[in-house]
Amino acid sequence: MPKAEISWKRTTPEGDTLQCYAHHVGKQWIFYRRRKRFDQWAEVEHPPLEDWLALLDSVQRRINRRLLRPEAEVLLRKTILERFPGTESELLEQRKRFA
């Protein structure tokens, strides 16, 4: 069974570094965030598009290494389009990087 958690780091517009991770439970992804290593993880109710795209990037990499099934990418893309209508261009850019 594949690991159900995917983590990454990102920088806010203010220059702060955030540690993020997404936990796959059933058909949904739950996002968590913290600023420093020993801070408590806080659940993010409405993660920004940037976090969803970072998750999509990680899922695509795991599919290439056969750690996740290709259906995971399809379901994640569908979820992103439902939450952020009009983001087809960002998703197409994401696909071009891996083509």
N, C-alpha and C. Protein backbone atom coordinates (compact mmCIF):
# COMPACT_ATOMS: atom_id res chain seq x y z
N MET A 1 0.84 -1.18 0.00
CA MET A 1 0.00 0.00 0.00
C MET A 1 0.89 1.25 0.00
N PRO A 2 0.59 2.23 -0.87
CA PRO A 2 1.43 3.41 -0.94
C PRO A 2 1.25 4.31 0.27
N LYS A 3 2.25 5.13 0.50
CA LYS A 3 2.20 6.10 1.59
C LYS A 3 1.09 7.10 1.31
N ALA A 4 0.30 7.39 2.32
CA ALA A 4 -0.86 8.26 2.13
C ALA A 4 -0.56 9.71 2.47
N GLU A 5 0.69 10.06 2.72
CA GLU A 5 1.07 11.43 3.03
C GLU A 5 2.12 11.92 2.04
N ILE A 6 1.94 13.16 1.59
CA ILE A 6 2.89 13.79 0.69
C ILE A 6 3.22 15.15 1.28
N SER A 7 4.51 15.45 1.39
CA SER A 7 4.91 16.72 2.01
C SER A 7 5.79 17.53 1.07
N TRP A 8 5.84 18.84 1.31
CA TRP A 8 6.66 19.77 0.54
C TRP A 8 6.85 21.04 1.36
N LYS A 9 7.74 21.91 0.89
CA LYS A 9 7.96 23.22 1.49
C LYS A 9 7.64 24.27 0.46
N ARG A 10 7.13 25.41 0.94
CA ARG A 10 6.89 26.53 0.03
C ARG A 10 7.13 27.83 0.76
N THR A 11 7.29 28.90 0.00
CA THR A 11 7.55 30.22 0.56
C THR A 11 6.34 31.10 0.31
N THR A 12 5.91 31.81 1.34
CA THR A 12 4.79 32.73 1.22
C THR A 12 5.23 34.01 0.51
N PRO A 13 4.31 34.84 0.04
CA PRO A 13 4.70 36.11 -0.58
C PRO A 13 5.48 37.02 0.37
N GLU A 14 5.29 36.84 1.68
CA GLU A 14 6.03 37.64 2.66
C GLU A 14 7.45 37.13 2.88
N GLY A 15 7.78 35.95 2.34
CA GLY A 15 9.11 35.40 2.48
C GLY A 15 9.25 34.35 3.57
N ASP A 16 8.15 34.00 4.24
CA ASP A 16 8.19 32.96 5.27
C ASP A 16 8.16 31.58 4.63
N THR A 17 8.88 30.63 5.23
CA THR A 17 8.88 29.25 4.75
C THR A 17 7.82 28.46 5.50
N LEU A 18 7.02 27.71 4.77
CA LEU A 18 6.00 26.86 5.35
C LEU A 18 6.27 25.41 5.00
N GLN A 19 6.08 24.53 5.96
CA GLN A 19 6.12 23.10 5.70
C GLN A 19 4.67 22.66 5.55
N CYS A 20 4.38 21.96 4.47
CA CYS A 20 3.02 21.53 4.20
C CYS A 20 3.00 20.03 3.97
N TYR A 21 1.89 19.41 4.30
CA TYR A 21 1.69 18.03 3.86
C TYR A 21 0.22 17.76 3.67
N ALA A 22 -0.06 16.83 2.80
CA ALA A 22 -1.43 16.43 2.50
C ALA A 22 -1.58 14.96 2.84
N HIS A 23 -2.68 14.64 3.47
CA HIS A 23 -2.96 13.27 3.92
C HIS A 23 -4.18 12.78 3.14
N HIS A 24 -4.03 11.65 2.46
CA HIS A 24 -5.12 11.11 1.65
C HIS A 24 -5.97 10.17 2.49
N VAL A 25 -7.23 10.54 2.68
CA VAL A 25 -8.16 9.74 3.47
C VAL A 25 -9.40 9.50 2.62
N GLY A 26 -9.63 8.25 2.26
CA GLY A 26 -10.79 7.95 1.42
C GLY A 26 -10.65 8.61 0.06
N LYS A 27 -11.61 9.48 -0.28
CA LYS A 27 -11.56 10.19 -1.55
C LYS A 27 -11.17 11.65 -1.38
N GLN A 28 -10.75 12.04 -0.19
CA GLN A 28 -10.41 13.44 0.03
C GLN A 28 -8.97 13.60 0.49
N TRP A 29 -8.45 14.79 0.30
CA TRP A 29 -7.11 15.16 0.75
C TRP A 29 -7.27 16.17 1.88
N ILE A 30 -6.56 15.95 2.98
CA ILE A 30 -6.58 16.86 4.11
C ILE A 30 -5.20 17.51 4.18
N PHE A 31 -5.16 18.84 4.16
CA PHE A 31 -3.91 19.58 4.15
C PHE A 31 -3.56 20.07 5.55
N TYR A 32 -2.26 20.05 5.85
CA TYR A 32 -1.74 20.55 7.12
C TYR A 32 -0.56 21.47 6.83
N ARG A 33 -0.29 22.39 7.78
CA ARG A 33 0.77 23.36 7.59
C ARG A 33 1.39 23.71 8.94
N ARG A 34 2.70 24.00 8.91
CA ARG A 34 3.39 24.54 10.07
C ARG A 34 4.55 25.40 9.60
N ARG A 35 5.00 26.30 10.48
CA ARG A 35 6.08 27.21 10.11
C ARG A 35 7.45 26.64 10.39
N LYS A 36 7.64 26.07 11.57
CA LYS A 36 8.95 25.54 11.95
C LYS A 36 8.83 24.08 12.34
N ARG A 37 9.97 23.44 12.49
CA ARG A 37 10.01 22.01 12.71
C ARG A 37 9.24 21.55 13.95
N PHE A 38 9.34 22.28 15.04
CA PHE A 38 8.73 21.83 16.28
C PHE A 38 7.35 22.46 16.55
N ASP A 39 6.83 23.20 15.61
CA ASP A 39 5.47 23.73 15.73
C ASP A 39 4.47 22.60 15.52
N GLN A 40 3.26 22.80 16.00
CA GLN A 40 2.20 21.82 15.80
C GLN A 40 1.64 21.96 14.38
N TRP A 41 1.29 20.82 13.79
CA TRP A 41 0.65 20.84 12.48
C TRP A 41 -0.76 21.37 12.65
N ALA A 42 -1.16 22.29 11.79
CA ALA A 42 -2.51 22.87 11.82
C ALA A 42 -3.22 22.51 10.52
N GLU A 43 -4.44 22.04 10.64
CA GLU A 43 -5.21 21.68 9.45
C GLU A 43 -5.62 22.94 8.70
N VAL A 44 -5.55 22.87 7.38
CA VAL A 44 -5.91 24.00 6.52
C VAL A 44 -7.28 23.71 5.95
N GLU A 45 -8.25 24.57 6.27
CA GLU A 45 -9.63 24.36 5.80
C GLU A 45 -9.75 24.51 4.28
N HIS A 46 -9.21 25.61 3.76
CA HIS A 46 -9.31 25.90 2.32
C HIS A 46 -7.91 26.16 1.78
N PRO A 47 -7.20 25.09 1.39
CA PRO A 47 -5.84 25.28 0.88
C PRO A 47 -5.84 26.06 -0.43
N PRO A 48 -4.82 26.90 -0.65
CA PRO A 48 -4.75 27.67 -1.89
C PRO A 48 -4.41 26.78 -3.09
N LEU A 49 -4.63 27.33 -4.27
CA LEU A 49 -4.35 26.59 -5.51
C LEU A 49 -2.89 26.17 -5.57
N GLU A 50 -2.00 26.99 -5.05
CA GLU A 50 -0.56 26.68 -5.06
C GLU A 50 -0.29 25.34 -4.36
N ASP A 51 -0.97 25.09 -3.23
CA ASP A 51 -0.79 23.82 -2.52
C ASP A 51 -1.36 22.65 -3.33
N TRP A 52 -2.49 22.85 -3.98
CA TRP A 52 -3.08 21.78 -4.79
C TRP A 52 -2.16 21.43 -5.95
N LEU A 53 -1.55 22.45 -6.57
CA LEU A 53 -0.65 22.19 -7.70
C LEU A 53 0.63 21.49 -7.24
N ALA A 54 1.11 21.84 -6.04
CA ALA A 54 2.28 21.14 -5.49
C ALA A 54 1.94 19.68 -5.22
N LEU A 55 0.74 19.43 -4.73
CA LEU A 55 0.29 18.06 -4.50
C LEU A 55 0.19 17.31 -5.82
N LEU A 56 -0.37 17.94 -6.84
CA LEU A 56 -0.49 17.31 -8.16
C LEU A 56 0.89 16.96 -8.72
N ASP A 57 1.84 17.86 -8.56
CA ASP A 57 3.21 17.60 -9.01
C ASP A 57 3.78 16.37 -8.30
N SER A 58 3.58 16.28 -7.00
CA SER A 58 4.09 15.14 -6.24
C SER A 58 3.40 13.84 -6.63
N VAL A 59 2.11 13.91 -6.88
CA VAL A 59 1.38 12.71 -7.29
C VAL A 59 1.89 12.23 -8.64
N GLN A 60 2.14 13.15 -9.56
CA GLN A 60 2.65 12.76 -10.88
C GLN A 60 4.02 12.09 -10.76
N ARG A 61 4.86 12.60 -9.89
CA ARG A 61 6.17 11.99 -9.69
C ARG A 61 6.04 10.59 -9.10
N ARG A 62 5.12 10.42 -8.18
CA ARG A 62 4.93 9.09 -7.58
C ARG A 62 4.35 8.10 -8.58
N ILE A 63 3.53 8.58 -9.50
CA ILE A 63 2.99 7.70 -10.54
C ILE A 63 4.13 7.22 -11.44
N ASN A 64 5.04 8.12 -11.77
CA ASN A 64 6.18 7.74 -12.62
C ASN A 64 7.05 6.69 -11.95
N ARG A 65 7.13 6.72 -10.61
CA ARG A 65 7.92 5.73 -9.87
C ARG A 65 7.08 4.52 -9.46
N ARG A 66 5.84 4.46 -9.96
CA ARG A 66 4.91 3.36 -9.69
C ARG A 66 4.56 3.21 -8.21
N LEU A 67 4.54 4.34 -7.49
CA LEU A 67 4.13 4.32 -6.10
C LEU A 67 2.64 4.62 -5.95
N LEU A 68 2.06 5.24 -6.97
CA LEU A 68 0.62 5.51 -7.00
C LEU A 68 0.08 5.06 -8.35
N ARG A 69 -1.21 4.81 -8.38
CA ARG A 69 -1.86 4.41 -9.63
C ARG A 69 -2.21 5.64 -10.45
N PRO A 70 -2.26 5.53 -11.78
CA PRO A 70 -2.59 6.69 -12.63
C PRO A 70 -3.96 7.29 -12.33
N GLU A 71 -4.87 6.51 -11.79
CA GLU A 71 -6.21 7.04 -11.47
C GLU A 71 -6.13 8.14 -10.41
N ALA A 72 -5.10 8.12 -9.59
CA ALA A 72 -4.95 9.13 -8.54
C ALA A 72 -4.81 10.52 -9.15
N GLU A 73 -4.08 10.62 -10.26
CA GLU A 73 -3.91 11.92 -10.92
C GLU A 73 -5.23 12.41 -11.50
N VAL A 74 -5.98 11.51 -12.12
CA VAL A 74 -7.27 11.89 -12.72
C VAL A 74 -8.22 12.41 -11.65
N LEU A 75 -8.30 11.70 -10.53
CA LEU A 75 -9.20 12.13 -9.45
C LEU A 75 -8.74 13.46 -8.83
N LEU A 76 -7.44 13.64 -8.71
CA LEU A 76 -6.93 14.89 -8.14
C LEU A 76 -7.20 16.06 -9.08
N ARG A 77 -6.99 15.87 -10.37
CA ARG A 77 -7.30 16.93 -11.34
C ARG A 77 -8.79 17.30 -11.29
N LYS A 78 -9.64 16.31 -11.17
CA LYS A 78 -11.08 16.56 -11.09
C LYS A 78 -11.41 17.37 -9.84
N THR A 79 -10.79 17.02 -8.73
CA THR A 79 -11.02 17.76 -7.48
C THR A 79 -10.56 19.20 -7.60
N ILE A 80 -9.39 19.42 -8.22
CA ILE A 80 -8.88 20.78 -8.38
C ILE A 80 -9.82 21.61 -9.25
N LEU A 81 -10.30 21.02 -10.34
CA LEU A 81 -11.21 21.76 -11.22
C LEU A 81 -12.54 22.07 -10.55
N GLU A 82 -13.00 21.19 -9.66
CA GLU A 82 -14.23 21.46 -8.92
C GLU A 82 -14.05 22.60 -7.93
N ARG A 83 -12.91 22.64 -7.26
CA ARG A 83 -12.66 23.67 -6.25
C ARG A 83 -12.24 25.00 -6.86
N PHE A 84 -11.54 24.96 -7.99
CA PHE A 84 -11.03 26.17 -8.63
C PHE A 84 -11.43 26.17 -10.10
N PRO A 85 -12.68 26.55 -10.40
CA PRO A 85 -13.09 26.58 -11.81
C PRO A 85 -12.24 27.58 -12.60
N GLY A 86 -11.92 27.22 -13.82
CA GLY A 86 -11.12 28.11 -14.66
C GLY A 86 -9.62 27.92 -14.50
N THR A 87 -9.19 26.83 -13.92
CA THR A 87 -7.75 26.59 -13.72
C THR A 87 -7.20 25.61 -14.74
N GLU A 88 -7.89 25.44 -15.85
CA GLU A 88 -7.43 24.50 -16.86
C GLU A 88 -6.05 24.86 -17.37
N SER A 89 -5.75 26.16 -17.51
CA SER A 89 -4.45 26.57 -18.05
C SER A 89 -3.31 26.17 -17.11
N GLU A 90 -3.50 26.31 -15.79
CA GLU A 90 -2.47 25.90 -14.84
C GLU A 90 -2.25 24.39 -14.90
N LEU A 91 -3.33 23.64 -15.04
CA LEU A 91 -3.21 22.19 -15.09
C LEU A 91 -2.54 21.74 -16.38
N LEU A 92 -2.81 22.45 -17.48
CA LEU A 92 -2.15 22.10 -18.75
C LEU A 92 -0.66 22.42 -18.67
N GLU A 93 -0.29 23.53 -18.03
CA GLU A 93 1.13 23.85 -17.84
C GLU A 93 1.81 22.76 -17.02
N GLN A 94 1.11 22.28 -16.00
CA GLN A 94 1.64 21.23 -15.15
C GLN A 94 1.89 19.96 -15.97
N ARG A 95 0.98 19.65 -16.87
CA ARG A 95 1.10 18.44 -17.69
C ARG A 95 2.26 18.56 -18.68
N LYS A 96 2.50 19.78 -19.23
CA LYS A 96 3.56 19.97 -20.20
C LYS A 96 4.94 19.68 -19.59
N ARG A 97 5.10 19.97 -18.31
CA ARG A 97 6.39 19.75 -17.67
C ARG A 97 6.74 18.26 -17.63
N PHE A 98 5.73 17.41 -17.59
CA PHE A 98 5.98 15.98 -17.46
C PHE A 98 5.86 15.24 -18.78
N ALA A 99 5.47 15.92 -19.85
CA ALA A 99 5.30 15.25 -21.14
C ALA A 99 6.61 15.02 -21.84
